[in-house]
Amino acid sequence: MLPDAKYYDVWIIKANQVIREIPAITILQWIGERRLVVRDKIRPAGTADWFEVGQHPSFANNFPEKESIETEILEPPLHSFKKHQGVD
């Protein structure tokens, strides 16, 4: 079982940034604002082991059902671009 705590260290993977001693209520707000995604990591403040936010039982239910790693990557499909063939 993953540990619960009042304060967590947060590792935002995309920015490779660690923010220390964030209250649990703030983490819930950040999830609601989509500032944290399922791949980001948390750990109880002062401990060594990181856990994915989406796997932690205190926070996993706060993510939208369909959110996944793929929703972070916003790449258009390759077939959506057409080459302009004509004379200007």
C-alpha atoms as a PDB file:
ATOM      1  CA  MET A   1       0.000   0.000   0.000  1.00  0.00           C
ATOM      2  CA  LEU A   2       1.223   3.473  -0.827  1.00  0.00           C
ATOM      3  CA  PRO A   3       1.695   5.831   2.133  1.00  0.00           C
ATOM      4  CA  ASP A   4      -0.567   8.805   2.847  1.00  0.00           C
ATOM      5  CA  ALA A   5       0.802  12.072   4.195  1.00  0.00           C
ATOM      6  CA  LYS A   6      -0.158  15.696   4.837  1.00  0.00           C
ATOM      7  CA  TYR A   7       2.691  17.032   2.674  1.00  0.00           C
ATOM      8  CA  TYR A   8       4.183  15.657  -0.518  1.00  0.00           C
ATOM      9  CA  ASP A   9       7.111  16.346  -2.787  1.00  0.00           C
ATOM     10  CA  VAL A  10       5.939  16.610  -6.406  1.00  0.00           C
ATOM     11  CA  TRP A  11       8.052  15.787  -9.456  1.00  0.00           C
ATOM     12  CA  ILE A  12       6.549  17.253 -12.632  1.00  0.00           C
ATOM     13  CA  ILE A  13       8.033  14.941 -15.236  1.00  0.00           C
ATOM     14  CA  LYS A  14       7.483  17.071 -18.363  1.00  0.00           C
ATOM     15  CA  ALA A  15       9.326  20.066 -16.851  1.00  0.00           C
ATOM     16  CA  ASN A  16      11.712  17.864 -14.816  1.00  0.00           C
ATOM     17  CA  GLN A  17      10.923  20.038 -11.792  1.00  0.00           C
ATOM     18  CA  VAL A  18      10.616  18.974  -8.145  1.00  0.00           C
ATOM     19  CA  ILE A  19       8.508  21.036  -5.744  1.00  0.00           C
ATOM     20  CA  ARG A  20       8.831  20.175  -2.081  1.00  0.00           C
ATOM     21  CA  GLU A  21       6.330  20.007   0.786  1.00  0.00           C
ATOM     22  CA  ILE A  22       3.068  20.593  -1.070  1.00  0.00           C
ATOM     23  CA  PRO A  23      -0.112  20.099   1.017  1.00  0.00           C
ATOM     24  CA  ALA A  24      -2.289  17.178  -0.112  1.00  0.00           C
ATOM     25  CA  ILE A  25      -5.219  19.548  -0.755  1.00  0.00           C
ATOM     26  CA  THR A  26      -3.058  21.530  -3.194  1.00  0.00           C
ATOM     27  CA  ILE A  27      -2.244  18.350  -5.100  1.00  0.00           C
ATOM     28  CA  LEU A  28      -5.981  17.704  -5.483  1.00  0.00           C
ATOM     29  CA  GLN A  29      -6.437  21.246  -6.811  1.00  0.00           C
ATOM     30  CA  TRP A  30      -3.553  20.828  -9.262  1.00  0.00           C
ATOM     31  CA  ILE A  31      -5.088  17.588 -10.555  1.00  0.00           C
ATOM     32  CA  GLY A  32      -8.393  19.402 -11.088  1.00  0.00           C
ATOM     33  CA  GLU A  33      -6.572  22.193 -12.933  1.00  0.00           C
ATOM     34  CA  ARG A  34      -4.660  19.566 -14.970  1.00  0.00           C
ATOM     35  CA  ARG A  35      -1.347  20.901 -13.716  1.00  0.00           C
ATOM     36  CA  LEU A  36      -0.509  17.323 -12.729  1.00  0.00           C
ATOM     37  CA  VAL A  37      -0.988  14.301 -14.966  1.00  0.00           C
ATOM     38  CA  VAL A  38      -1.024  10.591 -14.196  1.00  0.00           C
ATOM     39  CA  ARG A  39       2.680  10.188 -15.066  1.00  0.00           C
ATOM     40  CA  ASP A  40       3.891  12.863 -12.640  1.00  0.00           C
ATOM     41  CA  LYS A  41       5.434  11.551  -9.439  1.00  0.00           C
ATOM     42  CA  ILE A  42       4.812  12.237  -5.760  1.00  0.00           C
ATOM     43  CA  ARG A  43       6.288  11.052  -2.500  1.00  0.00           C
ATOM     44  CA  PRO A  44       5.499  11.825   1.103  1.00  0.00           C
ATOM     45  CA  ALA A  45       7.757  14.715   2.111  1.00  0.00           C
ATOM     46  CA  GLY A  46      11.023  13.501   3.586  1.00  0.00           C
ATOM     47  CA  THR A  47      10.923  10.015   2.062  1.00  0.00           C
ATOM     48  CA  ALA A  48      12.913   8.492  -0.802  1.00  0.00           C
ATOM     49  CA  ASP A  49      10.443   6.481  -2.926  1.00  0.00           C
ATOM     50  CA  TRP A  50       8.530   8.160  -5.784  1.00  0.00           C
ATOM     51  CA  PHE A  51       5.068   7.007  -6.912  1.00  0.00           C
ATOM     52  CA  GLU A  52       3.036   7.960  -9.972  1.00  0.00           C
ATOM     53  CA  VAL A  53       0.214  10.297  -8.997  1.00  0.00           C
ATOM     54  CA  GLY A  54      -2.206   8.165 -11.005  1.00  0.00           C
ATOM     55  CA  GLN A  55      -1.298   5.067  -8.962  1.00  0.00           C
ATOM     56  CA  HIS A  56      -1.655   6.637  -5.503  1.00  0.00           C
ATOM     57  CA  PRO A  57      -4.986   5.614  -3.929  1.00  0.00           C
ATOM     58  CA  SER A  58      -5.522   9.072  -2.419  1.00  0.00           C
ATOM     59  CA  PHE A  59      -5.309  10.800  -5.815  1.00  0.00           C
ATOM     60  CA  ALA A  60      -6.000   8.249  -8.584  1.00  0.00           C
ATOM     61  CA  ASN A  61      -9.793   8.660  -8.428  1.00  0.00           C
ATOM     62  CA  ASN A  62      -9.489  12.403  -9.048  1.00  0.00           C
ATOM     63  CA  PHE A  63      -8.301  12.013 -12.649  1.00  0.00           C
ATOM     64  CA  PRO A  64     -10.812  11.928 -15.493  1.00  0.00           C
ATOM     65  CA  GLU A  65     -11.600   8.367 -16.599  1.00  0.00           C
ATOM     66  CA  LYS A  66     -10.126   8.658 -20.072  1.00  0.00           C
ATOM     67  CA  GLU A  67      -6.958  10.518 -19.155  1.00  0.00           C
ATOM     68  CA  SER A  68      -3.867   8.623 -20.176  1.00  0.00           C
ATOM     69  CA  ILE A  69      -0.345   9.255 -21.311  1.00  0.00           C
ATOM     70  CA  GLU A  70      -1.545   9.667 -24.895  1.00  0.00           C
ATOM     71  CA  THR A  71      -3.733  12.661 -24.002  1.00  0.00           C
ATOM     72  CA  GLU A  72      -0.647  14.663 -23.063  1.00  0.00           C
ATOM     73  CA  ILE A  73       0.890  14.341 -26.522  1.00  0.00           C
ATOM     74  CA  LEU A  74      -0.879  16.659 -28.908  1.00  0.00           C
ATOM     75  CA  GLU A  75       0.462  15.649 -32.286  1.00  0.00           C
ATOM     76  CA  PRO A  76      -1.695  16.042 -35.387  1.00  0.00           C
ATOM     77  CA  PRO A  77      -2.130  12.954 -37.535  1.00  0.00           C
ATOM     78  CA  LEU A  78       0.313  12.794 -40.429  1.00  0.00           C
ATOM     79  CA  HIS A  79      -2.443  12.622 -43.038  1.00  0.00           C
ATOM     80  CA  SER A  80      -3.907  15.996 -41.988  1.00  0.00           C
ATOM     81  CA  PHE A  81      -1.244  18.004 -43.837  1.00  0.00           C
ATOM     82  CA  LYS A  82      -1.573  18.434 -47.578  1.00  0.00           C
ATOM     83  CA  LYS A  83       1.191  19.634 -49.799  1.00  0.00           C
ATOM     84  CA  HIS A  84       0.291  22.677 -51.851  1.00  0.00           C
ATOM     85  CA  GLN A  85       0.735  21.890 -55.515  1.00  0.00           C
ATOM     86  CA  GLY A  86       0.130  24.854 -57.674  1.00  0.00           C
ATOM     87  CA  VAL A  87       1.542  28.082 -58.976  1.00  0.00           C
ATOM     88  CA  ASP A  88       1.094  31.257 -56.960  1.00  0.00           C
END
